[in-house]
Amino acid sequence: MDTMTKTRLKTTAIASWSGGKDSCLAYYKSLKAGYRVSCLLNFISSGSKRGCFHGLEGKLLQLQAELIGVPLVQKEVSPDMQKYEEEFKSAVNEFLPQGVTSMVFGDIYLLDHQSWVERVCKEIGIQAVEPLWEIPTEDLIKEFLDLGFKAVIVSAKADIMGKEYIGREINLPLVEELKKKGICPCGENGEYHTLVIDGPIFKRKLKIVKASPLLKEGFWKHWFLDIKEYTSSEK
């Protein structure tokens, strides 16, 4: 075992969690790299009780974490996101007495966000861990699928992706469709978001029982998968 791996095994981290493929793959890769991740951290709107960025119901994300077998801590933030940085720092600071020294993120190539993460983590006094950073997006999607992860599209910008994409499972033919449309295979620019429903870290599968697409207004007009019923099932 090399010195760096030994150091990571002694490092307690938390992982930023949206329920989507990028945060899931980053969490998985951080475990494989030797980080000891004590829990997932998810932010939900105090108004809607849904994830701030993917719009997923807080209870759905709790079930997802239970199926993986890792604690999920959810923190509420202001609906208008005006105090997000302050609320983010406050939430992460609560973990410091537990010995947490790192936080895992799923950024791929957006420099503005990566710079924000680096700055904020430095101000908190922890290390930002970016397992996906600057890996080609097609390689990431292929790795995600080859590992056995499964995810469905739960939201998409309405000006570039139609209703027919909502609820579709991510696969290589879909990735080819997105590329032809000039869309990032990973949706890194917010073109679409996903919900992971199965994979090598899942003890049971997340099963969507009843759902329908809705056209919603937000930061931009987008299609959204309104998941009304869900449960778990054997793998």
C-alpha atoms as a PDB file:
ATOM      1  CA  MET A   1       0.000   0.000   0.000  1.00  0.00           C
ATOM      2  CA  ASP A   2       1.506   3.342  -1.045  1.00  0.00           C
ATOM      3  CA  THR A   3       1.858   6.324   1.289  1.00  0.00           C
ATOM      4  CA  MET A   4      -0.909   8.331  -0.400  1.00  0.00           C
ATOM      5  CA  THR A   5      -3.439   5.489  -0.026  1.00  0.00           C
ATOM      6  CA  LYS A   6      -2.483   5.065   3.643  1.00  0.00           C
ATOM      7  CA  THR A   7      -3.089   8.794   4.159  1.00  0.00           C
ATOM      8  CA  ARG A   8      -6.509   8.596   2.478  1.00  0.00           C
ATOM      9  CA  LEU A   9      -7.547   5.662   4.638  1.00  0.00           C
ATOM     10  CA  LYS A  10      -6.984   7.899   7.632  1.00  0.00           C
ATOM     11  CA  THR A  11      -8.966  10.732   6.027  1.00  0.00           C
ATOM     12  CA  THR A  12     -12.598  11.121   7.021  1.00  0.00           C
ATOM     13  CA  ALA A  13     -14.669  12.797   4.337  1.00  0.00           C
ATOM     14  CA  ILE A  14     -18.243  13.697   3.530  1.00  0.00           C
ATOM     15  CA  ALA A  15     -19.622  13.689   0.000  1.00  0.00           C
ATOM     16  CA  SER A  16     -21.773  16.287  -1.716  1.00  0.00           C
ATOM     17  CA  TRP A  17     -24.895  14.449  -2.887  1.00  0.00           C
ATOM     18  CA  SER A  18     -27.630  15.278  -5.392  1.00  0.00           C
ATOM     19  CA  GLY A  19     -28.845  11.752  -6.094  1.00  0.00           C
ATOM     20  CA  GLY A  20     -27.528  11.990  -9.653  1.00  0.00           C
ATOM     21  CA  LYS A  21     -24.875  10.114 -11.592  1.00  0.00           C
ATOM     22  CA  ASP A  22     -21.954  12.531 -11.143  1.00  0.00           C
ATOM     23  CA  SER A  23     -22.158  12.805  -7.355  1.00  0.00           C
ATOM     24  CA  CYS A  24     -22.701   9.037  -7.193  1.00  0.00           C
ATOM     25  CA  LEU A  25     -19.678   8.214  -9.365  1.00  0.00           C
ATOM     26  CA  ALA A  26     -17.524  10.714  -7.449  1.00  0.00           C
ATOM     27  CA  TYR A  27     -18.547   9.059  -4.178  1.00  0.00           C
ATOM     28  CA  TYR A  28     -17.784   5.605  -5.594  1.00  0.00           C
ATOM     29  CA  LYS A  29     -14.383   6.639  -6.965  1.00  0.00           C
ATOM     30  CA  SER A  30     -13.440   8.337  -3.681  1.00  0.00           C
ATOM     31  CA  LEU A  31     -14.136   5.079  -1.843  1.00  0.00           C
ATOM     32  CA  LYS A  32     -12.002   3.164  -4.318  1.00  0.00           C
ATOM     33  CA  ALA A  33      -9.238   5.731  -3.870  1.00  0.00           C
ATOM     34  CA  GLY A  34      -9.174   5.021  -0.143  1.00  0.00           C
ATOM     35  CA  TYR A  35     -11.214   7.862   1.353  1.00  0.00           C
ATOM     36  CA  ARG A  36     -13.386   6.976   4.340  1.00  0.00           C
ATOM     37  CA  VAL A  37     -16.699   8.727   3.599  1.00  0.00           C
ATOM     38  CA  SER A  38     -18.791   9.008   6.751  1.00  0.00           C
ATOM     39  CA  CYS A  39     -21.940  10.374   5.124  1.00  0.00           C
ATOM     40  CA  LEU A  40     -23.558  12.120   2.175  1.00  0.00           C
ATOM     41  CA  LEU A  41     -24.590  15.776   2.429  1.00  0.00           C
ATOM     42  CA  ASN A  42     -27.625  17.006   0.520  1.00  0.00           C
ATOM     43  CA  PHE A  43     -29.198  20.459   0.445  1.00  0.00           C
ATOM     44  CA  ILE A  44     -32.953  20.893   0.105  1.00  0.00           C
ATOM     45  CA  SER A  45     -35.071  24.015  -0.224  1.00  0.00           C
ATOM     46  CA  SER A  46     -36.768  25.047   3.006  1.00  0.00           C
ATOM     47  CA  GLY A  47     -39.837  25.865   0.936  1.00  0.00           C
ATOM     48  CA  SER A  48     -40.348  22.801  -1.269  1.00  0.00           C
ATOM     49  CA  LYS A  49     -38.384  20.217   0.782  1.00  0.00           C
ATOM     50  CA  ARG A  50     -36.824  19.156  -2.514  1.00  0.00           C
ATOM     51  CA  GLY A  51     -33.202  19.022  -3.660  1.00  0.00           C
ATOM     52  CA  CYS A  52     -31.940  22.471  -4.589  1.00  0.00           C
ATOM     53  CA  PHE A  53     -30.515  21.522  -7.962  1.00  0.00           C
ATOM     54  CA  HIS A  54     -32.276  18.355  -9.139  1.00  0.00           C
ATOM     55  CA  GLY A  55     -35.660  19.071  -7.578  1.00  0.00           C
ATOM     56  CA  LEU A  56     -35.971  15.558  -6.133  1.00  0.00           C
ATOM     57  CA  GLU A  57     -38.102  14.959  -3.055  1.00  0.00           C
ATOM     58  CA  GLY A  58     -36.087  14.831   0.141  1.00  0.00           C
ATOM     59  CA  LYS A  59     -37.702  11.548   1.244  1.00  0.00           C
ATOM     60  CA  LEU A  60     -36.814   9.934  -2.093  1.00  0.00           C
ATOM     61  CA  LEU A  61     -33.149  10.817  -1.587  1.00  0.00           C
ATOM     62  CA  GLN A  62     -33.305   9.405   1.942  1.00  0.00           C
ATOM     63  CA  LEU A  63     -34.569   6.094   0.571  1.00  0.00           C
ATOM     64  CA  GLN A  64     -31.851   6.102  -2.085  1.00  0.00           C
ATOM     65  CA  ALA A  65     -29.184   6.497   0.603  1.00  0.00           C
ATOM     66  CA  GLU A  66     -30.752   3.715   2.685  1.00  0.00           C
ATOM     67  CA  LEU A  67     -30.567   1.387  -0.316  1.00  0.00           C
ATOM     68  CA  ILE A  68     -26.875   2.204  -0.652  1.00  0.00           C
ATOM     69  CA  GLY A  69     -26.351   1.820   3.082  1.00  0.00           C
ATOM     70  CA  VAL A  70     -24.775   5.185   3.846  1.00  0.00           C
ATOM     71  CA  PRO A  71     -26.122   7.970   6.101  1.00  0.00           C
ATOM     72  CA  LEU A  72     -27.597  10.989   4.308  1.00  0.00           C
ATOM     73  CA  VAL A  73     -27.678  14.329   6.098  1.00  0.00           C
ATOM     74  CA  GLN A  74     -30.077  16.873   4.623  1.00  0.00           C
ATOM     75  CA  LYS A  75     -29.804  20.566   5.366  1.00  0.00           C
ATOM     76  CA  GLU A  76     -32.375  23.175   4.427  1.00  0.00           C
ATOM     77  CA  VAL A  77     -31.354  26.337   2.604  1.00  0.00           C
ATOM     78  CA  SER A  78     -33.223  29.500   1.666  1.00  0.00           C
ATOM     79  CA  PRO A  79     -35.524  29.049  -1.376  1.00  0.00           C
ATOM     80  CA  ASP A  80     -33.989  32.033  -3.191  1.00  0.00           C
ATOM     81  CA  MET A  81     -30.446  30.642  -2.713  1.00  0.00           C
ATOM     82  CA  GLN A  82     -29.217  34.115  -1.732  1.00  0.00           C
ATOM     83  CA  LYS A  83     -27.548  32.780   1.415  1.00  0.00           C
ATOM     84  CA  TYR A  84     -26.368  29.494  -0.075  1.00  0.00           C
ATOM     85  CA  GLU A  85     -22.656  29.973   0.582  1.00  0.00           C
ATOM     86  CA  GLU A  86     -23.266  30.994   4.186  1.00  0.00           C
ATOM     87  CA  GLU A  87     -25.640  28.062   4.726  1.00  0.00           C
ATOM     88  CA  PHE A  88     -23.267  25.654   2.983  1.00  0.00           C
ATOM     89  CA  LYS A  89     -20.383  26.643   5.237  1.00  0.00           C
ATOM     90  CA  SER A  90     -22.548  26.384   8.342  1.00  0.00           C
ATOM     91  CA  ALA A  91     -23.651  22.871   7.393  1.00  0.00           C
ATOM     92  CA  VAL A  92     -20.145  21.608   6.631  1.00  0.00           C
ATOM     93  CA  ASN A  93     -18.697  23.182   9.775  1.00  0.00           C
ATOM     94  CA  GLU A  94     -20.945  20.926  11.855  1.00  0.00           C
ATOM     95  CA  PHE A  95     -18.908  17.926  10.689  1.00  0.00           C
ATOM     96  CA  LEU A  96     -15.507  19.259  11.711  1.00  0.00           C
ATOM     97  CA  PRO A  97     -15.754  18.111  15.357  1.00  0.00           C
ATOM     98  CA  GLN A  98     -16.281  14.574  13.973  1.00  0.00           C
ATOM     99  CA  GLY A  99     -12.843  14.672  12.378  1.00  0.00           C
ATOM    100  CA  VAL A 100     -13.988  15.374   8.824  1.00  0.00           C
ATOM    101  CA  THR A 101     -11.141  16.921   6.829  1.00  0.00           C
ATOM    102  CA  SER A 102     -12.306  16.467   3.208  1.00  0.00           C
ATOM    103  CA  MET A 103     -15.403  16.792   1.047  1.00  0.00           C
ATOM    104  CA  VAL A 104     -16.035  14.971  -2.229  1.00  0.00           C
ATOM    105  CA  PHE A 105     -17.611  16.729  -5.228  1.00  0.00           C
ATOM    106  CA  GLY A 106     -18.688  15.587  -8.693  1.00  0.00           C
ATOM    107  CA  ASP A 107     -17.466  18.496 -10.818  1.00  0.00           C
ATOM    108  CA  ILE A 108     -16.079  17.594 -14.245  1.00  0.00           C
ATOM    109  CA  TYR A 109     -14.933  20.699 -16.111  1.00  0.00           C
ATOM    110  CA  LEU A 110     -16.839  23.823 -15.028  1.00  0.00           C
ATOM    111  CA  LEU A 111     -14.016  25.977 -13.716  1.00  0.00           C
ATOM    112  CA  ASP A 112     -16.283  28.534 -12.007  1.00  0.00           C
ATOM    113  CA  HIS A 113     -17.849  25.902  -9.798  1.00  0.00           C
ATOM    114  CA  GLN A 114     -14.606  24.095  -9.125  1.00  0.00           C
ATOM    115  CA  SER A 115     -13.010  27.414  -8.130  1.00  0.00           C
ATOM    116  CA  TRP A 116     -15.947  28.135  -5.792  1.00  0.00           C
ATOM    117  CA  VAL A 117     -15.597  24.699  -4.206  1.00  0.00           C
ATOM    118  CA  GLU A 118     -11.846  25.114  -3.732  1.00  0.00           C
ATOM    119  CA  ARG A 119     -12.220  28.570  -2.203  1.00  0.00           C
ATOM    120  CA  VAL A 120     -15.077  27.702   0.136  1.00  0.00           C
ATOM    121  CA  CYS A 121     -13.475  24.484   1.334  1.00  0.00           C
ATOM    122  CA  LYS A 122     -10.203  26.313   1.993  1.00  0.00           C
ATOM    123  CA  GLU A 123     -12.072  28.923   4.034  1.00  0.00           C
ATOM    124  CA  ILE A 124     -13.763  26.150   6.038  1.00  0.00           C
ATOM    125  CA  GLY A 125     -10.423  24.415   6.517  1.00  0.00           C
ATOM    126  CA  ILE A 126     -11.029  21.170   4.631  1.00  0.00           C
ATOM    127  CA  GLN A 127      -9.761  19.623   1.388  1.00  0.00           C
ATOM    128  CA  ALA A 128     -11.929  19.563  -1.742  1.00  0.00           C
ATOM    129  CA  VAL A 129     -11.736  16.155  -3.458  1.00  0.00           C
ATOM    130  CA  GLU A 130     -12.713  16.090  -7.158  1.00  0.00           C
ATOM    131  CA  PRO A 131     -12.464  12.481  -8.480  1.00  0.00           C
ATOM    132  CA  LEU A 132     -14.055  13.314 -11.855  1.00  0.00           C
ATOM    133  CA  TRP A 133     -12.184  16.517 -12.596  1.00  0.00           C
ATOM    134  CA  GLU A 134     -11.066  16.882 -16.236  1.00  0.00           C
ATOM    135  CA  ILE A 135     -11.821  13.262 -17.146  1.00  0.00           C
ATOM    136  CA  PRO A 136     -13.413  13.212 -20.650  1.00  0.00           C
ATOM    137  CA  THR A 137     -17.186  13.107 -20.280  1.00  0.00           C
ATOM    138  CA  GLU A 138     -17.628  10.166 -22.646  1.00  0.00           C
ATOM    139  CA  ASP A 139     -15.123   8.184 -20.589  1.00  0.00           C
ATOM    140  CA  LEU A 140     -17.060   8.996 -17.410  1.00  0.00           C
ATOM    141  CA  ILE A 141     -20.395   7.904 -18.855  1.00  0.00           C
ATOM    142  CA  LYS A 142     -18.880   4.678 -20.141  1.00  0.00           C
ATOM    143  CA  GLU A 143     -17.230   3.994 -16.778  1.00  0.00           C
ATOM    144  CA  PHE A 144     -20.510   4.698 -14.981  1.00  0.00           C
ATOM    145  CA  LEU A 145     -22.373   2.208 -17.181  1.00  0.00           C
ATOM    146  CA  ASP A 146     -19.597  -0.395 -17.262  1.00  0.00           C
ATOM    147  CA  LEU A 147     -19.593  -0.461 -13.456  1.00  0.00           C
ATOM    148  CA  GLY A 148     -23.272  -1.403 -13.539  1.00  0.00           C
ATOM    149  CA  PHE A 149     -24.812   1.866 -12.404  1.00  0.00           C
ATOM    150  CA  LYS A 150     -28.258   2.756 -13.716  1.00  0.00           C
ATOM    151  CA  ALA A 151     -29.784   6.227 -13.797  1.00  0.00           C
ATOM    152  CA  VAL A 152     -32.816   7.905 -15.337  1.00  0.00           C
ATOM    153  CA  ILE A 153     -33.232  11.484 -16.548  1.00  0.00           C
ATOM    154  CA  VAL A 154     -35.377  13.445 -14.095  1.00  0.00           C
ATOM    155  CA  SER A 155     -35.072  16.949 -15.540  1.00  0.00           C
ATOM    156  CA  ALA A 156     -33.939  18.606 -18.765  1.00  0.00           C
ATOM    157  CA  LYS A 157     -33.829  22.091 -20.226  1.00  0.00           C
ATOM    158  CA  ALA A 158     -36.947  22.436 -22.353  1.00  0.00           C
ATOM    159  CA  ASP A 159     -35.271  24.537 -25.044  1.00  0.00           C
ATOM    160  CA  ILE A 160     -32.835  21.770 -25.998  1.00  0.00           C
ATOM    161  CA  MET A 161     -34.442  18.513 -24.845  1.00  0.00           C
ATOM    162  CA  GLY A 162     -38.040  17.396 -25.283  1.00  0.00           C
ATOM    163  CA  LYS A 163     -40.476  15.626 -22.978  1.00  0.00           C
ATOM    164  CA  GLU A 164     -39.546  12.294 -24.569  1.00  0.00           C
ATOM    165  CA  TYR A 165     -36.217  12.303 -22.703  1.00  0.00           C
ATOM    166  CA  ILE A 166     -37.801  12.465 -19.252  1.00  0.00           C
ATOM    167  CA  GLY A 167     -37.672   9.122 -17.479  1.00  0.00           C
ATOM    168  CA  ARG A 168     -35.291   7.566 -20.007  1.00  0.00           C
ATOM    169  CA  GLU A 169     -32.507   5.413 -18.672  1.00  0.00           C
ATOM    170  CA  ILE A 170     -28.976   6.531 -19.459  1.00  0.00           C
ATOM    171  CA  ASN A 171     -27.261   4.246 -21.982  1.00  0.00           C
ATOM    172  CA  LEU A 172     -24.735   4.562 -24.802  1.00  0.00           C
ATOM    173  CA  PRO A 173     -27.339   5.045 -27.606  1.00  0.00           C
ATOM    174  CA  LEU A 174     -28.798   7.936 -25.598  1.00  0.00           C
ATOM    175  CA  VAL A 175     -25.329   9.428 -25.173  1.00  0.00           C
ATOM    176  CA  GLU A 176     -24.905   9.330 -28.956  1.00  0.00           C
ATOM    177  CA  GLU A 177     -28.229  11.158 -29.378  1.00  0.00           C
ATOM    178  CA  LEU A 178     -27.107  13.869 -26.985  1.00  0.00           C
ATOM    179  CA  LYS A 179     -23.776  14.286 -28.772  1.00  0.00           C
ATOM    180  CA  LYS A 180     -25.573  14.796 -32.092  1.00  0.00           C
ATOM    181  CA  LYS A 181     -27.578  17.572 -30.444  1.00  0.00           C
ATOM    182  CA  GLY A 182     -24.384  19.211 -29.205  1.00  0.00           C
ATOM    183  CA  ILE A 183     -25.259  18.375 -25.602  1.00  0.00           C
ATOM    184  CA  CYS A 184     -22.550  17.429 -23.105  1.00  0.00           C
ATOM    185  CA  PRO A 185     -22.789  13.654 -22.549  1.00  0.00           C
ATOM    186  CA  CYS A 186     -22.760  14.248 -18.795  1.00  0.00           C
ATOM    187  CA  GLY A 187     -25.041  17.293 -18.874  1.00  0.00           C
ATOM    188  CA  GLU A 188     -22.331  19.228 -17.059  1.00  0.00           C
ATOM    189  CA  ASN A 189     -23.798  22.570 -18.149  1.00  0.00           C
ATOM    190  CA  GLY A 190     -27.136  21.721 -16.537  1.00  0.00           C
ATOM    191  CA  GLU A 191     -28.705  20.401 -19.751  1.00  0.00           C
ATOM    192  CA  TYR A 192     -30.155  17.468 -17.824  1.00  0.00           C
ATOM    193  CA  HIS A 193     -30.072  15.831 -14.398  1.00  0.00           C
ATOM    194  CA  THR A 194     -30.446  12.238 -13.298  1.00  0.00           C
ATOM    195  CA  LEU A 195     -31.491   9.956 -10.449  1.00  0.00           C
ATOM    196  CA  VAL A 196     -29.359   6.859  -9.821  1.00  0.00           C
ATOM    197  CA  ILE A 197     -31.553   3.814  -9.211  1.00  0.00           C
ATOM    198  CA  ASP A 198     -29.053   0.947  -9.036  1.00  0.00           C
ATOM    199  CA  GLY A 199     -25.372   0.100  -9.086  1.00  0.00           C
ATOM    200  CA  PRO A 200     -22.553  -1.799  -7.403  1.00  0.00           C
ATOM    201  CA  ILE A 201     -22.946   0.144  -4.151  1.00  0.00           C
ATOM    202  CA  PHE A 202     -26.718  -0.478  -3.937  1.00  0.00           C
ATOM    203  CA  LYS A 203     -27.970  -3.294  -1.693  1.00  0.00           C
ATOM    204  CA  ARG A 204     -31.442  -3.044  -3.274  1.00  0.00           C
ATOM    205  CA  LYS A 205     -32.716  -1.232  -6.368  1.00  0.00           C
ATOM    206  CA  LEU A 206     -34.729   1.980  -6.268  1.00  0.00           C
ATOM    207  CA  LYS A 207     -37.928   1.413  -8.241  1.00  0.00           C
ATOM    208  CA  ILE A 208     -40.051   4.219  -9.669  1.00  0.00           C
ATOM    209  CA  VAL A 209     -43.661   3.008  -9.543  1.00  0.00           C
ATOM    210  CA  LYS A 210     -45.616   6.022 -10.797  1.00  0.00           C
ATOM    211  CA  ALA A 211     -44.313   9.178 -12.483  1.00  0.00           C
ATOM    212  CA  SER A 212     -45.181  11.651 -15.197  1.00  0.00           C
ATOM    213  CA  PRO A 213     -43.382  14.532 -16.976  1.00  0.00           C
ATOM    214  CA  LEU A 214     -44.213  18.121 -16.092  1.00  0.00           C
ATOM    215  CA  LEU A 215     -43.155  21.390 -17.713  1.00  0.00           C
ATOM    216  CA  LYS A 216     -41.901  23.698 -14.970  1.00  0.00           C
ATOM    217  CA  GLU A 217     -40.560  27.218 -14.617  1.00  0.00           C
ATOM    218  CA  GLY A 218     -37.450  27.806 -12.533  1.00  0.00           C
ATOM    219  CA  PHE A 219     -34.078  29.328 -13.295  1.00  0.00           C
ATOM    220  CA  TRP A 220     -35.160  28.276 -16.805  1.00  0.00           C
ATOM    221  CA  LYS A 221     -38.049  26.334 -18.331  1.00  0.00           C
ATOM    222  CA  HIS A 222     -37.469  22.619 -17.924  1.00  0.00           C
ATOM    223  CA  TRP A 223     -39.109  19.238 -18.144  1.00  0.00           C
ATOM    224  CA  PHE A 224     -39.280  17.444 -14.811  1.00  0.00           C
ATOM    225  CA  LEU A 225     -40.144  13.878 -13.855  1.00  0.00           C
ATOM    226  CA  ASP A 226     -42.811  14.124 -11.163  1.00  0.00           C
ATOM    227  CA  ILE A 227     -42.198  10.919  -9.205  1.00  0.00           C
ATOM    228  CA  LYS A 228     -45.404  10.167  -7.306  1.00  0.00           C
ATOM    229  CA  GLU A 229     -44.700   6.642  -6.053  1.00  0.00           C
ATOM    230  CA  TYR A 230     -41.470   4.747  -5.468  1.00  0.00           C
ATOM    231  CA  THR A 231     -40.221   1.741  -3.577  1.00  0.00           C
ATOM    232  CA  SER A 232     -37.291  -0.673  -3.463  1.00  0.00           C
ATOM    233  CA  SER A 233     -36.868  -4.110  -5.046  1.00  0.00           C
ATOM    234  CA  GLU A 234     -34.432  -6.992  -5.073  1.00  0.00           C
ATOM    235  CA  LYS A 235     -31.432  -6.679  -7.377  1.00  0.00           C
END
